[in-house]
């Protein structure tokens, strides 16, 4: 049960971070507007593949660090908590999107794009984003331990990939409906602020986790 709760918290944090606008979000919005639902879905699959590449790189690196130094891993963990706090505060400052929203006719006149081309766009958008390595290092150090099994690492990695694909595929399906797209654009900054609050709260909790555990033991 404890493992399931930890996984659920991990998935919630991953979803909040994925929903927060960034390079992947911007590229997906562009491709949805330009290429429509089909192009958006294949872009989402590419974004998921890009996340998979980062996850594999980060987990292999963390596994090597854990094998050599528990202290170094603990240091990375606290730096990661600080980074989550930083991006949480940044997201809380989100402002409404004031860019002009295309009319309904513009949202149905899509260009053609091959599935592979759309996939490539998504893949390279995430692979070439250096902040992704920092983020995944920050989040994984909060949920894995030096004694974590390989199956646990794989589960967390696949969860990250699945959330990336499902969220951005959902956007491709939902935002090709003009009315829904307009509503989403009006509420986007509130979504970002809520996600920022969740990331900030988690970062603070994780930064103080050792203190909380020590207090619980002494009580």
N, C-alpha and C. Protein backbone atom coordinates (compact mmCIF):
# COMPACT_ATOMS: atom_id res chain seq x y z
N UNK A 1 0.83 -1.21 0.00
CA UNK A 1 0.00 0.00 0.00
C UNK A 1 0.86 1.26 0.00
N UNK A 2 1.93 1.22 0.80
CA UNK A 2 2.82 2.37 0.87
C UNK A 2 3.47 2.64 -0.48
N UNK A 3 3.84 1.57 -1.18
CA UNK A 3 4.45 1.72 -2.51
C UNK A 3 3.46 2.33 -3.49
N UNK A 4 2.20 1.88 -3.42
CA UNK A 4 1.17 2.40 -4.33
C UNK A 4 0.95 3.89 -4.10
N UNK A 5 0.92 4.31 -2.84
CA UNK A 5 0.73 5.72 -2.51
C UNK A 5 1.90 6.55 -3.05
N UNK A 6 3.11 6.01 -2.87
CA UNK A 6 4.30 6.71 -3.38
C UNK A 6 4.22 6.85 -4.90
N UNK A 7 3.79 5.77 -5.57
CA UNK A 7 3.66 5.81 -7.03
C UNK A 7 2.59 6.82 -7.44
N UNK A 8 1.49 6.86 -6.69
CA UNK A 8 0.39 7.78 -7.00
C UNK A 8 0.86 9.23 -6.86
N UNK A 9 1.63 9.51 -5.83
CA UNK A 9 2.18 10.85 -5.64
C UNK A 9 3.12 11.19 -6.80
N UNK A 10 3.96 10.24 -7.17
CA UNK A 10 4.88 10.44 -8.29
C UNK A 10 4.11 10.76 -9.57
N UNK A 11 3.07 9.97 -9.85
CA UNK A 11 2.28 10.18 -11.06
C UNK A 11 1.60 11.54 -11.04
N UNK A 12 1.14 11.98 -9.87
CA UNK A 12 0.47 13.28 -9.74
C UNK A 12 1.45 14.41 -10.02
N UNK A 13 2.65 14.29 -9.48
CA UNK A 13 3.67 15.32 -9.71
C UNK A 13 4.07 15.34 -11.18
N UNK A 14 4.24 14.17 -11.76
CA UNK A 14 4.61 14.08 -13.17
C UNK A 14 3.53 14.71 -14.05
N UNK A 15 2.27 14.44 -13.73
CA UNK A 15 1.16 15.01 -14.49
C UNK A 15 1.13 16.52 -14.36
N UNK A 16 1.32 17.03 -13.14
CA UNK A 16 1.32 18.47 -12.91
C UNK A 16 2.42 19.15 -13.71
N UNK A 17 3.59 18.54 -13.72
CA UNK A 17 4.72 19.11 -14.47
C UNK A 17 4.46 19.04 -15.97
N UNK A 18 3.88 17.95 -16.43
CA UNK A 18 3.59 17.79 -17.86
C UNK A 18 2.56 18.80 -18.33
N UNK A 19 1.58 19.10 -17.48
CA UNK A 19 0.52 20.05 -17.83
C UNK A 19 1.02 21.49 -17.83
N UNK A 20 2.12 21.76 -17.14
CA UNK A 20 2.65 23.13 -17.10
C UNK A 20 3.28 23.47 -18.44
N UNK A 21 2.92 24.62 -19.03
CA UNK A 21 3.45 24.99 -20.35
C UNK A 21 4.97 25.06 -20.39
N UNK A 22 5.52 24.54 -21.45
CA UNK A 22 6.96 24.54 -21.69
C UNK A 22 7.18 24.29 -23.17
N UNK A 23 8.40 23.93 -23.58
CA UNK A 23 8.68 23.67 -25.00
C UNK A 23 7.77 22.60 -25.61
N UNK A 24 7.53 21.52 -24.88
CA UNK A 24 6.69 20.44 -25.40
C UNK A 24 5.25 20.92 -25.60
N UNK A 25 4.76 21.67 -24.62
CA UNK A 25 3.39 22.20 -24.70
C UNK A 25 3.26 23.16 -25.89
N UNK A 26 4.25 24.05 -26.04
CA UNK A 26 4.20 25.02 -27.13
C UNK A 26 4.24 24.32 -28.49
N UNK A 27 5.09 23.32 -28.63
CA UNK A 27 5.19 22.61 -29.90
C UNK A 27 3.91 21.83 -30.20
N UNK A 28 3.33 21.22 -29.18
CA UNK A 28 2.10 20.48 -29.39
C UNK A 28 0.97 21.41 -29.81
N UNK A 29 0.87 22.57 -29.17
CA UNK A 29 -0.17 23.54 -29.54
C UNK A 29 0.01 23.98 -30.99
N UNK A 30 1.26 24.22 -31.38
CA UNK A 30 1.54 24.63 -32.76
C UNK A 30 1.11 23.54 -33.74
N UNK A 31 1.46 22.30 -33.45
CA UNK A 31 1.14 21.22 -34.37
C UNK A 31 -0.34 20.90 -34.43
N UNK A 32 -1.02 21.09 -33.31
CA UNK A 32 -2.47 20.88 -33.31
C UNK A 32 -3.15 21.91 -34.21
N UNK A 33 -2.74 23.17 -34.06
CA UNK A 33 -3.32 24.24 -34.87
C UNK A 33 -2.99 24.05 -36.35
N UNK A 34 -1.76 23.62 -36.62
CA UNK A 34 -1.29 23.52 -38.00
C UNK A 34 -1.69 22.22 -38.69
N UNK A 35 -1.61 21.10 -37.96
CA UNK A 35 -1.80 19.79 -38.58
C UNK A 35 -3.03 19.03 -38.10
N UNK A 36 -3.72 19.56 -37.09
CA UNK A 36 -4.94 18.92 -36.64
C UNK A 36 -4.72 17.77 -35.68
N UNK A 37 -5.79 17.00 -35.46
CA UNK A 37 -5.79 15.94 -34.45
C UNK A 37 -4.77 14.84 -34.75
N UNK A 38 -4.73 14.37 -35.97
CA UNK A 38 -3.81 13.28 -36.32
C UNK A 38 -2.36 13.69 -36.11
N UNK A 39 -2.01 14.88 -36.61
CA UNK A 39 -0.65 15.37 -36.43
C UNK A 39 -0.31 15.54 -34.96
N UNK A 40 -1.29 16.00 -34.18
CA UNK A 40 -1.07 16.20 -32.75
C UNK A 40 -0.83 14.91 -32.01
N UNK A 41 -1.56 13.86 -32.37
CA UNK A 41 -1.41 12.56 -31.69
C UNK A 41 -0.03 11.96 -31.97
N UNK A 42 0.41 12.03 -33.22
CA UNK A 42 1.75 11.49 -33.53
C UNK A 42 2.85 12.35 -32.92
N UNK A 43 2.60 13.63 -32.78
CA UNK A 43 3.56 14.49 -32.08
C UNK A 43 3.64 14.08 -30.62
N UNK A 44 2.49 13.76 -30.02
CA UNK A 44 2.45 13.32 -28.62
C UNK A 44 3.25 12.03 -28.42
N UNK A 45 3.14 11.11 -29.37
CA UNK A 45 3.91 9.86 -29.28
C UNK A 45 5.40 10.16 -29.34
N UNK A 46 5.78 11.10 -30.20
CA UNK A 46 7.18 11.50 -30.29
C UNK A 46 7.66 12.16 -29.01
N UNK A 47 6.82 12.98 -28.41
CA UNK A 47 7.16 13.61 -27.13
C UNK A 47 7.38 12.55 -26.06
N UNK A 48 6.54 11.52 -26.07
CA UNK A 48 6.70 10.42 -25.12
C UNK A 48 8.01 9.68 -25.33
N UNK A 49 8.38 9.47 -26.59
CA UNK A 49 9.66 8.80 -26.88
C UNK A 49 10.83 9.65 -26.40
N UNK A 50 10.71 10.97 -26.55
CA UNK A 50 11.75 11.86 -26.06
C UNK A 50 11.90 11.79 -24.55
N UNK A 51 10.77 11.72 -23.87
CA UNK A 51 10.80 11.55 -22.40
C UNK A 51 11.46 10.23 -22.04
N UNK A 52 11.14 9.18 -22.80
CA UNK A 52 11.75 7.88 -22.55
C UNK A 52 13.26 7.92 -22.64
N UNK A 53 13.78 8.68 -23.61
CA UNK A 53 15.23 8.81 -23.76
C UNK A 53 15.84 9.49 -22.54
N UNK A 54 15.21 10.59 -22.09
CA UNK A 54 15.72 11.31 -20.92
C UNK A 54 15.63 10.44 -19.66
N UNK A 55 14.52 9.74 -19.52
CA UNK A 55 14.32 8.89 -18.34
C UNK A 55 15.40 7.81 -18.26
N UNK A 56 15.66 7.16 -19.39
CA UNK A 56 16.68 6.11 -19.42
C UNK A 56 18.05 6.67 -19.05
N UNK A 57 18.36 7.84 -19.60
CA UNK A 57 19.65 8.48 -19.32
C UNK A 57 19.78 8.83 -17.84
N UNK A 58 18.73 9.44 -17.29
CA UNK A 58 18.76 9.88 -15.89
C UNK A 58 18.82 8.68 -14.94
N UNK A 59 17.98 7.68 -15.18
CA UNK A 59 17.95 6.53 -14.27
C UNK A 59 19.26 5.74 -14.29
N UNK A 60 19.86 5.62 -15.46
CA UNK A 60 21.16 4.93 -15.53
C UNK A 60 22.22 5.71 -14.76
N UNK A 61 22.18 7.04 -14.90
CA UNK A 61 23.14 7.88 -14.18
C UNK A 61 22.94 7.83 -12.68
N UNK A 62 21.68 7.87 -12.25
CA UNK A 62 21.39 7.82 -10.81
C UNK A 62 21.75 6.46 -10.23
N UNK A 63 21.53 5.41 -10.99
CA UNK A 63 21.88 4.07 -10.52
C UNK A 63 23.39 3.97 -10.28
N UNK A 64 24.16 4.59 -11.19
CA UNK A 64 25.61 4.57 -11.04
C UNK A 64 26.05 5.36 -9.82
N UNK A 65 25.39 6.52 -9.60
CA UNK A 65 25.73 7.35 -8.45
C UNK A 65 25.39 6.63 -7.15
N UNK A 66 24.20 6.02 -7.10
CA UNK A 66 23.77 5.32 -5.88
C UNK A 66 24.72 4.16 -5.54
N UNK A 67 25.26 3.54 -6.58
CA UNK A 67 26.16 2.41 -6.36
C UNK A 67 27.49 2.86 -5.76
N UNK A 68 27.84 4.12 -5.98
CA UNK A 68 29.14 4.62 -5.53
C UNK A 68 29.06 5.47 -4.26
N UNK A 69 28.00 6.30 -4.15
CA UNK A 69 27.96 7.23 -3.02
C UNK A 69 26.54 7.58 -2.61
N UNK A 70 26.14 7.16 -1.43
CA UNK A 70 24.82 7.50 -0.89
C UNK A 70 24.76 8.99 -0.58
N UNK A 71 25.88 9.56 -0.14
CA UNK A 71 25.95 10.99 0.20
C UNK A 71 25.71 11.85 -1.04
N UNK A 72 26.36 11.49 -2.15
CA UNK A 72 26.18 12.24 -3.39
C UNK A 72 24.73 12.17 -3.85
N UNK A 73 24.12 11.01 -3.71
CA UNK A 73 22.72 10.85 -4.09
C UNK A 73 21.82 11.74 -3.23
N UNK A 74 22.10 11.80 -1.92
CA UNK A 74 21.32 12.63 -1.01
C UNK A 74 21.45 14.10 -1.38
N UNK A 75 22.66 14.52 -1.78
CA UNK A 75 22.88 15.91 -2.18
C UNK A 75 22.05 16.25 -3.42
N UNK A 76 22.08 15.35 -4.40
CA UNK A 76 21.29 15.56 -5.62
C UNK A 76 19.81 15.63 -5.29
N UNK A 77 19.38 14.83 -4.32
CA UNK A 77 17.98 14.81 -3.91
C UNK A 77 17.53 16.16 -3.38
N UNK A 78 18.35 16.80 -2.54
CA UNK A 78 17.98 18.11 -1.98
C UNK A 78 18.04 19.21 -3.04
N UNK A 79 19.00 19.12 -3.93
CA UNK A 79 19.06 20.08 -5.04
C UNK A 79 17.81 19.92 -5.91
N UNK A 80 17.39 18.68 -6.11
CA UNK A 80 16.18 18.41 -6.88
C UNK A 80 14.94 19.00 -6.24
N UNK A 81 14.84 18.89 -4.92
CA UNK A 81 13.71 19.48 -4.20
C UNK A 81 13.68 20.99 -4.38
N UNK A 82 14.87 21.61 -4.35
CA UNK A 82 14.96 23.06 -4.54
C UNK A 82 14.51 23.44 -5.95
N UNK A 83 14.83 22.61 -6.93
CA UNK A 83 14.43 22.89 -8.30
C UNK A 83 12.92 22.79 -8.46
N UNK A 84 12.30 21.82 -7.81
CA UNK A 84 10.84 21.70 -7.86
C UNK A 84 10.17 22.93 -7.26
N UNK A 85 10.76 23.44 -6.17
CA UNK A 85 10.24 24.67 -5.55
C UNK A 85 10.36 25.84 -6.52
N UNK A 86 11.48 25.91 -7.21
CA UNK A 86 11.72 27.00 -8.17
C UNK A 86 10.70 27.00 -9.31
N UNK A 87 10.49 25.83 -9.94
CA UNK A 87 9.55 25.80 -11.05
C UNK A 87 8.11 25.97 -10.56
N UNK A 88 7.85 25.59 -9.31
CA UNK A 88 6.52 25.81 -8.74
C UNK A 88 6.23 27.29 -8.58
N UNK A 89 7.21 28.03 -8.04
CA UNK A 89 7.05 29.48 -7.86
C UNK A 89 6.90 30.16 -9.21
N UNK A 90 7.67 29.73 -10.18
CA UNK A 90 7.60 30.30 -11.53
C UNK A 90 6.22 30.10 -12.14
N UNK A 91 5.65 28.91 -11.96
CA UNK A 91 4.33 28.61 -12.51
C UNK A 91 3.23 29.40 -11.82
N UNK A 92 3.41 29.70 -10.53
CA UNK A 92 2.41 30.48 -9.79
C UNK A 92 2.27 31.90 -10.35
N UNK A 93 3.29 32.36 -11.06
CA UNK A 93 3.28 33.72 -11.62
C UNK A 93 2.69 33.76 -13.03
N UNK A 94 2.12 32.66 -13.49
CA UNK A 94 1.59 32.59 -14.85
C UNK A 94 0.53 33.66 -15.09
N UNK A 95 0.56 34.24 -16.28
CA UNK A 95 -0.40 35.29 -16.65
C UNK A 95 -1.31 34.78 -17.77
N UNK A 96 -2.49 35.39 -17.91
CA UNK A 96 -3.41 34.98 -18.97
C UNK A 96 -2.78 35.10 -20.35
N UNK A 97 -3.15 34.21 -21.25
CA UNK A 97 -2.65 34.24 -22.63
C UNK A 97 -3.44 35.30 -23.39
N UNK A 98 -2.73 36.32 -23.88
CA UNK A 98 -3.40 37.43 -24.57
C UNK A 98 -3.25 37.36 -26.09
N UNK A 99 -2.63 36.28 -26.59
CA UNK A 99 -2.47 36.16 -28.03
C UNK A 99 -3.82 35.92 -28.69
N UNK A 100 -3.94 36.35 -29.93
CA UNK A 100 -5.21 36.24 -30.63
C UNK A 100 -5.55 34.78 -30.92
N UNK A 101 -6.78 34.40 -30.64
CA UNK A 101 -7.24 33.03 -30.87
C UNK A 101 -7.80 32.93 -32.29
N UNK A 102 -7.34 31.95 -33.08
CA UNK A 102 -7.84 31.79 -34.44
C UNK A 102 -9.35 31.54 -34.45
N UNK A 103 -10.00 31.96 -35.53
CA UNK A 103 -11.44 31.73 -35.62
C UNK A 103 -11.73 30.26 -35.92
N UNK A 104 -12.99 29.90 -35.86
CA UNK A 104 -13.39 28.49 -36.00
C UNK A 104 -12.97 27.91 -37.35
N UNK A 105 -13.06 28.71 -38.42
CA UNK A 105 -12.70 28.21 -39.75
C UNK A 105 -11.21 27.89 -39.82
N UNK A 106 -10.38 28.76 -39.20
CA UNK A 106 -8.94 28.54 -39.22
C UNK A 106 -8.56 27.26 -38.49
N UNK A 107 -9.37 26.86 -37.52
CA UNK A 107 -9.07 25.67 -36.73
C UNK A 107 -9.43 24.37 -37.44
N UNK A 108 -10.04 24.48 -38.61
CA UNK A 108 -10.41 23.27 -39.35
C UNK A 108 -9.66 23.15 -40.68
N UNK A 109 -8.85 24.14 -41.02
CA UNK A 109 -8.06 24.11 -42.25
C UNK A 109 -6.64 23.65 -41.93
N UNK A 110 -6.44 22.35 -41.89
CA UNK A 110 -5.16 21.80 -41.46
C UNK A 110 -4.28 21.41 -42.64
N UNK A 111 -2.97 21.53 -42.45
CA UNK A 111 -2.01 21.07 -43.44
C UNK A 111 -1.75 19.58 -43.24
N UNK A 112 -1.28 18.93 -44.30
CA UNK A 112 -0.96 17.50 -44.19
C UNK A 112 0.46 17.32 -43.68
N UNK A 113 0.66 16.28 -42.87
CA UNK A 113 1.99 15.93 -42.37
C UNK A 113 2.03 14.42 -42.17
N UNK A 114 3.15 13.81 -42.50
CA UNK A 114 3.26 12.36 -42.32
C UNK A 114 3.36 12.03 -40.84
N UNK A 115 2.96 10.81 -40.50
CA UNK A 115 3.03 10.37 -39.10
C UNK A 115 4.47 10.41 -38.60
N UNK A 116 5.41 9.99 -39.44
CA UNK A 116 6.82 9.95 -39.02
C UNK A 116 7.36 11.35 -38.80
N UNK A 117 6.98 12.29 -39.65
CA UNK A 117 7.45 13.67 -39.50
C UNK A 117 6.92 14.27 -38.21
N UNK A 118 5.65 14.06 -37.93
CA UNK A 118 5.06 14.58 -36.68
C UNK A 118 5.74 13.94 -35.47
N UNK A 119 6.00 12.63 -35.57
CA UNK A 119 6.70 11.91 -34.50
C UNK A 119 8.08 12.51 -34.27
N UNK A 120 8.81 12.78 -35.34
CA UNK A 120 10.15 13.36 -35.23
C UNK A 120 10.13 14.72 -34.55
N UNK A 121 9.14 15.53 -34.89
CA UNK A 121 9.03 16.85 -34.28
C UNK A 121 8.90 16.72 -32.77
N UNK A 122 8.00 15.83 -32.34
CA UNK A 122 7.82 15.61 -30.90
C UNK A 122 9.06 15.05 -30.24
N UNK A 123 9.68 14.06 -30.88
CA UNK A 123 10.87 13.42 -30.33
C UNK A 123 11.99 14.43 -30.08
N UNK A 124 12.33 15.20 -31.10
CA UNK A 124 13.46 16.13 -30.97
C UNK A 124 13.14 17.32 -30.09
N UNK A 125 11.86 17.68 -30.00
CA UNK A 125 11.48 18.76 -29.09
C UNK A 125 11.88 18.41 -27.66
N UNK A 126 11.63 17.18 -27.24
CA UNK A 126 11.97 16.78 -25.88
C UNK A 126 13.43 16.37 -25.72
N UNK A 127 13.96 15.65 -26.70
CA UNK A 127 15.36 15.21 -26.61
C UNK A 127 16.31 16.40 -26.51
N UNK A 128 16.02 17.47 -27.24
CA UNK A 128 16.91 18.63 -27.27
C UNK A 128 16.60 19.66 -26.20
N UNK A 129 15.73 19.33 -25.27
CA UNK A 129 15.41 20.24 -24.16
C UNK A 129 16.30 19.90 -22.96
N UNK A 130 17.36 20.70 -22.70
CA UNK A 130 18.29 20.37 -21.61
C UNK A 130 17.65 20.42 -20.23
N UNK A 131 16.58 21.19 -20.08
CA UNK A 131 15.93 21.29 -18.77
C UNK A 131 15.25 19.98 -18.38
N UNK A 132 14.95 19.15 -19.37
CA UNK A 132 14.28 17.88 -19.08
C UNK A 132 15.16 16.99 -18.21
N UNK A 133 16.47 16.98 -18.48
CA UNK A 133 17.39 16.17 -17.68
C UNK A 133 17.38 16.64 -16.23
N UNK A 134 17.39 17.96 -16.05
CA UNK A 134 17.37 18.53 -14.70
C UNK A 134 16.08 18.15 -13.99
N UNK A 135 14.96 18.27 -14.70
CA UNK A 135 13.67 17.96 -14.07
C UNK A 135 13.58 16.50 -13.67
N UNK A 136 13.91 15.60 -14.57
CA UNK A 136 13.78 14.18 -14.25
C UNK A 136 14.76 13.75 -13.16
N UNK A 137 15.93 14.38 -13.13
CA UNK A 137 16.85 14.11 -12.03
C UNK A 137 16.22 14.56 -10.72
N UNK A 138 15.59 15.74 -10.76
CA UNK A 138 14.95 16.29 -9.55
C UNK A 138 13.82 15.40 -9.05
N UNK A 139 12.98 14.94 -9.95
CA UNK A 139 11.80 14.18 -9.51
C UNK A 139 12.15 12.73 -9.13
N UNK A 140 13.03 12.10 -9.90
CA UNK A 140 13.34 10.70 -9.60
C UNK A 140 14.10 10.54 -8.29
N UNK A 141 14.94 11.51 -7.95
CA UNK A 141 15.68 11.40 -6.69
C UNK A 141 14.76 11.48 -5.48
N UNK A 142 13.55 11.99 -5.66
CA UNK A 142 12.62 12.09 -4.55
C UNK A 142 11.86 10.78 -4.31
N UNK A 143 11.84 9.90 -5.29
CA UNK A 143 10.99 8.71 -5.18
C UNK A 143 11.73 7.37 -5.27
N UNK A 144 13.00 7.41 -5.62
CA UNK A 144 13.75 6.16 -5.63
C UNK A 144 14.81 6.21 -4.54
N UNK A 145 15.24 5.05 -4.12
CA UNK A 145 16.23 4.95 -3.04
C UNK A 145 17.37 4.05 -3.50
N UNK A 146 18.49 4.09 -2.79
CA UNK A 146 19.63 3.24 -3.18
C UNK A 146 19.29 1.76 -3.28
N UNK A 147 18.26 1.33 -2.56
CA UNK A 147 17.89 -0.09 -2.61
C UNK A 147 16.69 -0.36 -3.52
N UNK A 148 16.30 0.61 -4.33
CA UNK A 148 15.17 0.42 -5.25
C UNK A 148 15.50 -0.64 -6.29
N UNK A 149 14.53 -1.49 -6.59
CA UNK A 149 14.75 -2.57 -7.56
C UNK A 149 14.67 -2.03 -8.99
N UNK A 150 15.18 -2.82 -9.92
CA UNK A 150 15.13 -2.44 -11.33
C UNK A 150 13.69 -2.31 -11.82
N UNK A 151 12.81 -3.18 -11.31
CA UNK A 151 11.41 -3.13 -11.72
C UNK A 151 10.75 -1.83 -11.26
N UNK A 152 11.16 -1.31 -10.11
CA UNK A 152 10.63 -0.04 -9.61
C UNK A 152 11.07 1.10 -10.52
N UNK A 153 12.33 1.09 -10.92
CA UNK A 153 12.85 2.13 -11.82
C UNK A 153 12.12 2.09 -13.16
N UNK A 154 11.90 0.89 -13.67
CA UNK A 154 11.20 0.74 -14.95
C UNK A 154 9.76 1.23 -14.83
N UNK A 155 9.09 0.91 -13.73
CA UNK A 155 7.71 1.35 -13.52
C UNK A 155 7.61 2.87 -13.52
N UNK A 156 8.49 3.53 -12.78
CA UNK A 156 8.47 4.99 -12.74
C UNK A 156 8.78 5.58 -14.12
N UNK A 157 9.72 4.96 -14.82
CA UNK A 157 10.06 5.45 -16.15
C UNK A 157 8.91 5.33 -17.12
N UNK A 158 8.26 4.17 -17.14
CA UNK A 158 7.11 3.96 -18.03
C UNK A 158 5.94 4.86 -17.66
N UNK A 159 5.79 5.14 -16.37
CA UNK A 159 4.73 6.05 -15.92
C UNK A 159 4.93 7.44 -16.52
N UNK A 160 6.17 7.91 -16.51
CA UNK A 160 6.49 9.22 -17.08
C UNK A 160 6.17 9.27 -18.57
N UNK A 161 6.56 8.23 -19.28
CA UNK A 161 6.31 8.17 -20.73
C UNK A 161 4.81 8.12 -21.01
N UNK A 162 4.08 7.29 -20.27
CA UNK A 162 2.64 7.13 -20.48
C UNK A 162 1.90 8.44 -20.23
N UNK A 163 2.27 9.14 -19.16
CA UNK A 163 1.60 10.41 -18.84
C UNK A 163 1.85 11.44 -19.94
N UNK A 164 3.08 11.49 -20.45
CA UNK A 164 3.42 12.43 -21.52
C UNK A 164 2.55 12.17 -22.75
N UNK A 165 2.47 10.92 -23.16
CA UNK A 165 1.70 10.58 -24.36
C UNK A 165 0.20 10.81 -24.15
N UNK A 166 -0.33 10.37 -23.01
CA UNK A 166 -1.77 10.50 -22.75
C UNK A 166 -2.21 11.95 -22.64
N UNK A 167 -1.42 12.78 -21.95
CA UNK A 167 -1.80 14.18 -21.79
C UNK A 167 -1.80 14.91 -23.13
N UNK A 168 -0.71 14.77 -23.89
CA UNK A 168 -0.63 15.52 -25.14
C UNK A 168 -1.53 14.94 -26.22
N UNK A 169 -1.82 13.65 -26.16
CA UNK A 169 -2.81 13.08 -27.08
C UNK A 169 -4.20 13.60 -26.75
N UNK A 170 -4.48 13.74 -25.46
CA UNK A 170 -5.77 14.30 -25.03
C UNK A 170 -5.94 15.72 -25.53
N UNK A 171 -4.85 16.50 -25.47
CA UNK A 171 -4.92 17.86 -26.00
C UNK A 171 -5.24 17.85 -27.49
N UNK A 172 -4.61 16.93 -28.22
CA UNK A 172 -4.85 16.85 -29.66
C UNK A 172 -6.31 16.53 -29.98
N UNK A 173 -6.91 15.69 -29.15
CA UNK A 173 -8.31 15.31 -29.37
C UNK A 173 -9.26 16.43 -28.94
N UNK A 174 -9.01 16.98 -27.76
CA UNK A 174 -9.92 17.98 -27.19
C UNK A 174 -9.82 19.33 -27.90
N UNK A 175 -8.59 19.77 -28.17
CA UNK A 175 -8.41 21.13 -28.68
C UNK A 175 -8.68 21.27 -30.17
N UNK A 176 -9.04 20.20 -30.84
CA UNK A 176 -9.48 20.33 -32.22
C UNK A 176 -10.98 20.63 -32.28
N UNK A 177 -11.60 20.73 -31.11
CA UNK A 177 -12.99 21.21 -31.00
C UNK A 177 -12.90 22.70 -30.66
N UNK A 178 -13.27 23.61 -31.58
CA UNK A 178 -13.07 25.05 -31.40
C UNK A 178 -13.56 25.61 -30.07
N UNK A 179 -14.78 25.26 -29.65
CA UNK A 179 -15.34 25.81 -28.41
C UNK A 179 -14.49 25.42 -27.21
N UNK A 180 -14.07 24.17 -27.17
CA UNK A 180 -13.25 23.68 -26.06
C UNK A 180 -11.90 24.39 -26.06
N UNK A 181 -11.34 24.58 -27.25
CA UNK A 181 -10.04 25.25 -27.36
C UNK A 181 -10.09 26.66 -26.79
N UNK A 182 -11.14 27.40 -27.11
CA UNK A 182 -11.28 28.77 -26.61
C UNK A 182 -11.37 28.79 -25.08
N UNK A 183 -12.15 27.86 -24.53
CA UNK A 183 -12.29 27.79 -23.08
C UNK A 183 -10.96 27.45 -22.42
N UNK A 184 -10.25 26.50 -23.00
CA UNK A 184 -8.95 26.09 -22.45
C UNK A 184 -7.98 27.26 -22.42
N UNK A 185 -7.95 28.04 -23.49
CA UNK A 185 -7.02 29.17 -23.54
C UNK A 185 -7.32 30.18 -22.44
N UNK A 186 -8.60 30.37 -22.12
CA UNK A 186 -8.98 31.32 -21.07
C UNK A 186 -8.57 30.81 -19.68
N UNK A 187 -8.58 29.49 -19.51
CA UNK A 187 -8.29 28.91 -18.19
C UNK A 187 -6.84 28.44 -18.05
N UNK A 188 -6.07 28.55 -19.10
CA UNK A 188 -4.72 27.97 -19.12
C UNK A 188 -3.84 28.48 -17.98
N UNK A 189 -3.89 29.79 -17.70
CA UNK A 189 -3.00 30.33 -16.66
C UNK A 189 -3.40 29.83 -15.27
N UNK A 190 -4.71 29.55 -15.07
CA UNK A 190 -5.14 28.99 -13.78
C UNK A 190 -4.67 27.55 -13.63
N UNK A 191 -4.70 26.81 -14.72
CA UNK A 191 -4.20 25.43 -14.69
C UNK A 191 -2.72 25.43 -14.33
N UNK A 192 -1.98 26.35 -14.95
CA UNK A 192 -0.54 26.44 -14.68
C UNK A 192 -0.29 26.82 -13.22
N UNK A 193 -1.09 27.73 -12.68
CA UNK A 193 -0.91 28.15 -11.29
C UNK A 193 -1.19 27.01 -10.31
N UNK A 194 -2.24 26.25 -10.60
CA UNK A 194 -2.57 25.11 -9.73
C UNK A 194 -1.44 24.08 -9.76
N UNK A 195 -0.94 23.78 -10.95
CA UNK A 195 0.17 22.84 -11.08
C UNK A 195 1.40 23.37 -10.36
N UNK A 196 1.63 24.68 -10.46
CA UNK A 196 2.76 25.29 -9.77
C UNK A 196 2.65 25.15 -8.27
N UNK A 197 1.44 25.32 -7.75
CA UNK A 197 1.21 25.18 -6.32
C UNK A 197 1.50 23.77 -5.84
N UNK A 198 1.11 22.78 -6.65
CA UNK A 198 1.37 21.38 -6.30
C UNK A 198 2.86 21.08 -6.29
N UNK A 199 3.58 21.59 -7.29
CA UNK A 199 5.02 21.36 -7.35
C UNK A 199 5.74 22.05 -6.21
N UNK A 200 5.30 23.26 -5.88
CA UNK A 200 5.91 24.01 -4.77
C UNK A 200 5.71 23.26 -3.46
N UNK A 201 4.47 22.81 -3.23
CA UNK A 201 4.16 22.09 -1.99
C UNK A 201 4.98 20.81 -1.87
N UNK A 202 5.11 20.10 -2.98
CA UNK A 202 5.88 18.87 -2.96
C UNK A 202 7.36 19.16 -2.68
N UNK A 203 7.89 20.19 -3.35
CA UNK A 203 9.29 20.54 -3.16
C UNK A 203 9.60 20.87 -1.71
N UNK A 204 8.71 21.65 -1.07
CA UNK A 204 8.90 22.02 0.33
C UNK A 204 8.82 20.78 1.21
N UNK A 205 7.83 19.94 0.94
CA UNK A 205 7.66 18.72 1.75
C UNK A 205 8.88 17.81 1.64
N UNK A 206 9.38 17.66 0.43
CA UNK A 206 10.53 16.79 0.23
C UNK A 206 11.80 17.36 0.85
N UNK A 207 11.93 18.69 0.78
CA UNK A 207 13.09 19.34 1.37
C UNK A 207 13.11 19.15 2.88
N UNK A 208 11.91 19.08 3.48
CA UNK A 208 11.80 18.95 4.94
C UNK A 208 11.53 17.51 5.38
N UNK A 209 11.57 16.57 4.44
CA UNK A 209 11.20 15.19 4.75
C UNK A 209 12.05 14.58 5.86
N UNK A 210 13.34 14.82 5.83
CA UNK A 210 14.22 14.25 6.87
C UNK A 210 13.88 14.84 8.23
N UNK A 211 13.61 16.16 8.27
CA UNK A 211 13.26 16.81 9.53
C UNK A 211 11.95 16.25 10.07
N UNK A 212 10.97 16.06 9.17
CA UNK A 212 9.67 15.52 9.58
C UNK A 212 9.82 14.11 10.14
N UNK A 213 10.63 13.29 9.48
CA UNK A 213 10.84 11.92 9.97
C UNK A 213 11.53 11.92 11.33
N UNK A 214 12.52 12.80 11.51
CA UNK A 214 13.23 12.88 12.79
C UNK A 214 12.29 13.30 13.91
N UNK A 215 11.40 14.25 13.60
CA UNK A 215 10.43 14.72 14.60
C UNK A 215 9.46 13.61 14.97
N UNK A 216 9.05 12.83 13.97
CA UNK A 216 8.11 11.74 14.22
C UNK A 216 8.75 10.66 15.10
N UNK A 217 10.04 10.41 14.89
CA UNK A 217 10.73 9.40 15.68
C UNK A 217 10.91 9.84 17.13
N UNK A 218 11.15 11.16 17.32
CA UNK A 218 11.40 11.67 18.66
C UNK A 218 10.11 11.89 19.45
N UNK A 219 8.98 11.88 18.74
CA UNK A 219 7.68 12.12 19.41
C UNK A 219 7.27 10.92 20.25
